[in-house]
């Protein structure tokens, strides 16, 4: 029983490191897309054929991925703490 709890906590820590790494990468991607959207909107230009609203929609999609990852992380934490 105690060994199973230890293994669950160990698996949680490994998954936590992966989520943190991906989360950091996705935050940078979000900020880049959002800044490009602001700049293209301010200058009233299209960049690579994308209007500013497309850049904002892409950044919103990245935010949704980040939110889903956070929910998955909360779920993994709660499952690692679950006691039978």
N, C-alpha and C. Protein backbone atom coordinates (compact mmCIF):
# COMPACT_ATOMS: atom_id res chain seq x y z
N UNK A 1 0.82 -1.19 0.00
CA UNK A 1 0.00 0.00 0.00
C UNK A 1 0.86 1.25 0.00
N UNK A 2 1.84 1.29 0.90
CA UNK A 2 2.70 2.46 0.98
C UNK A 2 3.57 2.57 -0.27
N UNK A 3 3.96 1.41 -0.81
CA UNK A 3 4.78 1.39 -2.01
C UNK A 3 4.00 1.95 -3.20
N UNK A 4 2.69 1.62 -3.27
CA UNK A 4 1.85 2.13 -4.36
C UNK A 4 1.72 3.65 -4.28
N UNK A 5 1.56 4.17 -3.07
CA UNK A 5 1.45 5.62 -2.89
C UNK A 5 2.74 6.30 -3.32
N UNK A 6 3.87 5.72 -2.96
CA UNK A 6 5.16 6.28 -3.34
C UNK A 6 5.32 6.29 -4.86
N UNK A 7 4.89 5.21 -5.52
CA UNK A 7 4.99 5.14 -6.98
C UNK A 7 4.08 6.17 -7.64
N UNK A 8 2.88 6.38 -7.09
CA UNK A 8 1.97 7.39 -7.62
C UNK A 8 2.56 8.78 -7.50
N UNK A 9 3.16 9.08 -6.35
CA UNK A 9 3.78 10.39 -6.16
C UNK A 9 4.97 10.57 -7.09
N UNK A 10 5.73 9.50 -7.29
CA UNK A 10 6.88 9.56 -8.19
C UNK A 10 6.42 9.81 -9.63
N UNK A 11 5.37 9.11 -10.05
CA UNK A 11 4.82 9.32 -11.40
C UNK A 11 4.27 10.73 -11.55
N UNK A 12 3.65 11.24 -10.48
CA UNK A 12 3.12 12.61 -10.52
C UNK A 12 4.25 13.62 -10.71
N UNK A 13 5.36 13.44 -10.01
CA UNK A 13 6.48 14.37 -10.13
C UNK A 13 7.06 14.37 -11.54
N UNK A 14 7.14 13.20 -12.15
CA UNK A 14 7.64 13.10 -13.53
C UNK A 14 6.70 13.83 -14.48
N UNK A 15 5.40 13.58 -14.34
CA UNK A 15 4.41 14.24 -15.20
C UNK A 15 4.41 15.75 -14.95
N UNK A 16 4.61 16.14 -13.71
CA UNK A 16 4.63 17.56 -13.37
C UNK A 16 5.75 18.29 -14.10
N UNK A 17 6.91 17.66 -14.19
CA UNK A 17 8.04 18.28 -14.90
C UNK A 17 7.73 18.43 -16.38
N UNK A 18 7.09 17.42 -16.97
CA UNK A 18 6.73 17.49 -18.38
C UNK A 18 5.73 18.60 -18.63
N UNK A 19 4.69 18.67 -17.80
CA UNK A 19 3.68 19.71 -17.95
C UNK A 19 4.28 21.09 -17.81
N UNK A 20 5.18 21.25 -16.86
CA UNK A 20 5.80 22.56 -16.65
C UNK A 20 6.62 22.97 -17.86
N UNK A 21 7.35 22.05 -18.44
CA UNK A 21 8.16 22.36 -19.62
C UNK A 21 7.27 22.77 -20.80
N UNK A 22 6.23 21.98 -21.06
CA UNK A 22 5.32 22.31 -22.16
C UNK A 22 4.56 23.60 -21.89
N UNK A 23 4.20 23.83 -20.65
CA UNK A 23 3.48 25.04 -20.28
C UNK A 23 4.34 26.27 -20.57
N UNK A 24 5.60 26.22 -20.20
CA UNK A 24 6.50 27.35 -20.45
C UNK A 24 6.66 27.62 -21.94
N UNK A 25 6.80 26.57 -22.72
CA UNK A 25 6.93 26.73 -24.18
C UNK A 25 5.67 27.35 -24.78
N UNK A 26 4.52 26.84 -24.34
CA UNK A 26 3.26 27.36 -24.87
C UNK A 26 3.01 28.81 -24.45
N UNK A 27 3.48 29.21 -23.27
CA UNK A 27 3.34 30.62 -22.87
C UNK A 27 4.11 31.53 -23.82
N UNK A 28 5.29 31.11 -24.22
CA UNK A 28 6.08 31.92 -25.16
C UNK A 28 5.39 32.00 -26.52
N UNK A 29 4.84 30.89 -26.95
CA UNK A 29 4.12 30.88 -28.23
C UNK A 29 2.91 31.80 -28.16
N UNK A 30 2.16 31.73 -27.05
CA UNK A 30 1.01 32.61 -26.88
C UNK A 30 1.42 34.07 -26.95
N UNK A 31 2.46 34.43 -26.21
CA UNK A 31 2.88 35.84 -26.18
C UNK A 31 3.32 36.30 -27.57
N UNK A 32 4.01 35.45 -28.30
CA UNK A 32 4.45 35.84 -29.64
C UNK A 32 3.26 36.07 -30.56
N UNK A 33 2.30 35.16 -30.55
CA UNK A 33 1.11 35.31 -31.40
C UNK A 33 0.30 36.53 -31.00
N UNK A 34 0.17 36.77 -29.70
CA UNK A 34 -0.61 37.90 -29.21
C UNK A 34 0.05 39.23 -29.59
N UNK A 35 1.37 39.30 -29.45
CA UNK A 35 2.09 40.53 -29.81
C UNK A 35 2.00 40.78 -31.31
N UNK A 36 2.12 39.74 -32.12
CA UNK A 36 1.98 39.90 -33.57
C UNK A 36 0.58 40.40 -33.89
N UNK A 37 -0.43 39.88 -33.20
CA UNK A 37 -1.79 40.35 -33.41
C UNK A 37 -1.96 41.82 -33.06
N UNK A 38 -1.37 42.25 -31.96
CA UNK A 38 -1.46 43.66 -31.56
C UNK A 38 -0.73 44.55 -32.57
N UNK A 39 0.46 44.14 -32.98
CA UNK A 39 1.23 44.96 -33.93
C UNK A 39 0.52 45.05 -35.27
N UNK A 40 0.02 43.93 -35.76
CA UNK A 40 -0.66 43.98 -37.06
C UNK A 40 -1.96 44.78 -36.98
N UNK A 41 -2.62 44.76 -35.83
CA UNK A 41 -3.84 45.55 -35.66
C UNK A 41 -3.50 47.04 -35.58
N UNK A 42 -2.43 47.37 -34.88
CA UNK A 42 -2.05 48.77 -34.73
C UNK A 42 -1.58 49.37 -36.06
N UNK A 43 -0.90 48.58 -36.86
CA UNK A 43 -0.39 49.07 -38.13
C UNK A 43 -1.38 48.85 -39.28
N UNK A 44 -2.48 48.15 -38.99
CA UNK A 44 -3.51 47.84 -39.98
C UNK A 44 -2.91 47.17 -41.22
N UNK A 45 -2.16 46.10 -40.96
CA UNK A 45 -1.55 45.33 -42.04
C UNK A 45 -1.89 43.87 -41.89
N UNK A 46 -1.63 43.10 -42.93
CA UNK A 46 -1.72 41.65 -42.83
C UNK A 46 -0.31 41.10 -42.93
N UNK A 47 -0.06 40.09 -42.15
CA UNK A 47 1.26 39.48 -42.13
C UNK A 47 1.09 38.03 -42.55
N UNK A 48 1.77 37.63 -43.59
CA UNK A 48 1.67 36.28 -44.16
C UNK A 48 0.24 35.94 -44.57
N UNK A 49 -0.50 36.95 -44.93
CA UNK A 49 -1.87 36.75 -45.37
C UNK A 49 -2.87 36.61 -44.23
N UNK A 50 -2.40 36.71 -42.99
CA UNK A 50 -3.27 36.60 -41.82
C UNK A 50 -3.65 37.99 -41.33
N UNK A 51 -4.93 38.19 -41.13
CA UNK A 51 -5.39 39.45 -40.55
C UNK A 51 -5.16 39.41 -39.05
N UNK A 52 -5.22 40.55 -38.38
CA UNK A 52 -4.99 40.56 -36.92
C UNK A 52 -5.91 39.64 -36.15
N UNK A 53 -7.16 39.51 -36.57
CA UNK A 53 -8.09 38.64 -35.83
C UNK A 53 -7.64 37.19 -35.87
N UNK A 54 -7.02 36.78 -36.97
CA UNK A 54 -6.51 35.40 -37.05
C UNK A 54 -5.39 35.18 -36.04
N UNK A 55 -4.53 36.16 -35.88
CA UNK A 55 -3.45 36.04 -34.90
C UNK A 55 -4.03 35.92 -33.49
N UNK A 56 -5.09 36.70 -33.19
CA UNK A 56 -5.73 36.61 -31.88
C UNK A 56 -6.42 35.26 -31.67
N UNK A 57 -7.03 34.74 -32.71
CA UNK A 57 -7.68 33.44 -32.61
C UNK A 57 -6.63 32.35 -32.37
N UNK A 58 -5.50 32.44 -33.05
CA UNK A 58 -4.43 31.47 -32.82
C UNK A 58 -3.90 31.54 -31.39
N UNK A 59 -3.74 32.76 -30.87
CA UNK A 59 -3.27 32.90 -29.49
C UNK A 59 -4.32 32.38 -28.51
N UNK A 60 -5.61 32.59 -28.81
CA UNK A 60 -6.67 32.06 -27.96
C UNK A 60 -6.65 30.53 -27.97
N UNK A 61 -6.37 29.94 -29.11
CA UNK A 61 -6.26 28.48 -29.19
C UNK A 61 -5.14 27.94 -28.32
N UNK A 62 -4.03 28.66 -28.28
CA UNK A 62 -2.91 28.24 -27.43
C UNK A 62 -3.31 28.36 -25.96
N UNK A 63 -4.05 29.42 -25.62
CA UNK A 63 -4.51 29.58 -24.23
C UNK A 63 -5.43 28.42 -23.84
N UNK A 64 -6.29 27.99 -24.76
CA UNK A 64 -7.16 26.85 -24.46
C UNK A 64 -6.35 25.59 -24.20
N UNK A 65 -5.28 25.40 -24.94
CA UNK A 65 -4.41 24.24 -24.72
C UNK A 65 -3.76 24.34 -23.34
N UNK A 66 -3.31 25.54 -22.97
CA UNK A 66 -2.70 25.74 -21.65
C UNK A 66 -3.71 25.44 -20.55
N UNK A 67 -4.96 25.89 -20.71
CA UNK A 67 -5.99 25.64 -19.71
C UNK A 67 -6.25 24.14 -19.58
N UNK A 68 -6.32 23.45 -20.70
CA UNK A 68 -6.53 22.00 -20.66
C UNK A 68 -5.38 21.29 -19.96
N UNK A 69 -4.18 21.75 -20.19
CA UNK A 69 -3.02 21.16 -19.52
C UNK A 69 -3.09 21.40 -18.01
N UNK A 70 -3.52 22.60 -17.60
CA UNK A 70 -3.63 22.89 -16.17
C UNK A 70 -4.68 22.00 -15.52
N UNK A 71 -5.81 21.81 -16.18
CA UNK A 71 -6.85 20.93 -15.65
C UNK A 71 -6.34 19.50 -15.54
N UNK A 72 -5.59 19.06 -16.54
CA UNK A 72 -5.01 17.72 -16.49
C UNK A 72 -4.02 17.59 -15.34
N UNK A 73 -3.27 18.66 -15.09
CA UNK A 73 -2.31 18.65 -13.99
C UNK A 73 -3.03 18.58 -12.65
N UNK A 74 -4.12 19.31 -12.51
CA UNK A 74 -4.90 19.25 -11.27
C UNK A 74 -5.46 17.85 -11.06
N UNK A 75 -5.95 17.26 -12.15
CA UNK A 75 -6.50 15.91 -12.07
C UNK A 75 -5.41 14.91 -11.67
N UNK A 76 -4.24 15.02 -12.26
CA UNK A 76 -3.14 14.11 -11.93
C UNK A 76 -2.73 14.28 -10.46
N UNK A 77 -2.74 15.52 -9.97
CA UNK A 77 -2.40 15.76 -8.57
C UNK A 77 -3.42 15.11 -7.65
N UNK A 78 -4.71 15.30 -7.97
CA UNK A 78 -5.74 14.72 -7.12
C UNK A 78 -5.72 13.20 -7.15
N UNK A 79 -5.42 12.64 -8.30
CA UNK A 79 -5.33 11.17 -8.38
C UNK A 79 -4.11 10.64 -7.63
N UNK A 80 -3.03 11.42 -7.59
CA UNK A 80 -1.86 10.96 -6.85
C UNK A 80 -2.08 11.02 -5.34
N UNK A 81 -3.02 11.87 -4.90
CA UNK A 81 -3.30 12.01 -3.47
C UNK A 81 -4.48 11.15 -3.03
N UNK A 82 -5.15 10.52 -3.98
CA UNK A 82 -6.34 9.72 -3.65
C UNK A 82 -5.92 8.51 -2.80
N UNK A 83 -6.69 8.29 -1.75
CA UNK A 83 -6.41 7.15 -0.89
C UNK A 83 -7.56 6.17 -0.97
N UNK A 84 -7.22 4.91 -0.98
CA UNK A 84 -8.24 3.86 -1.07
C UNK A 84 -8.76 3.49 0.29
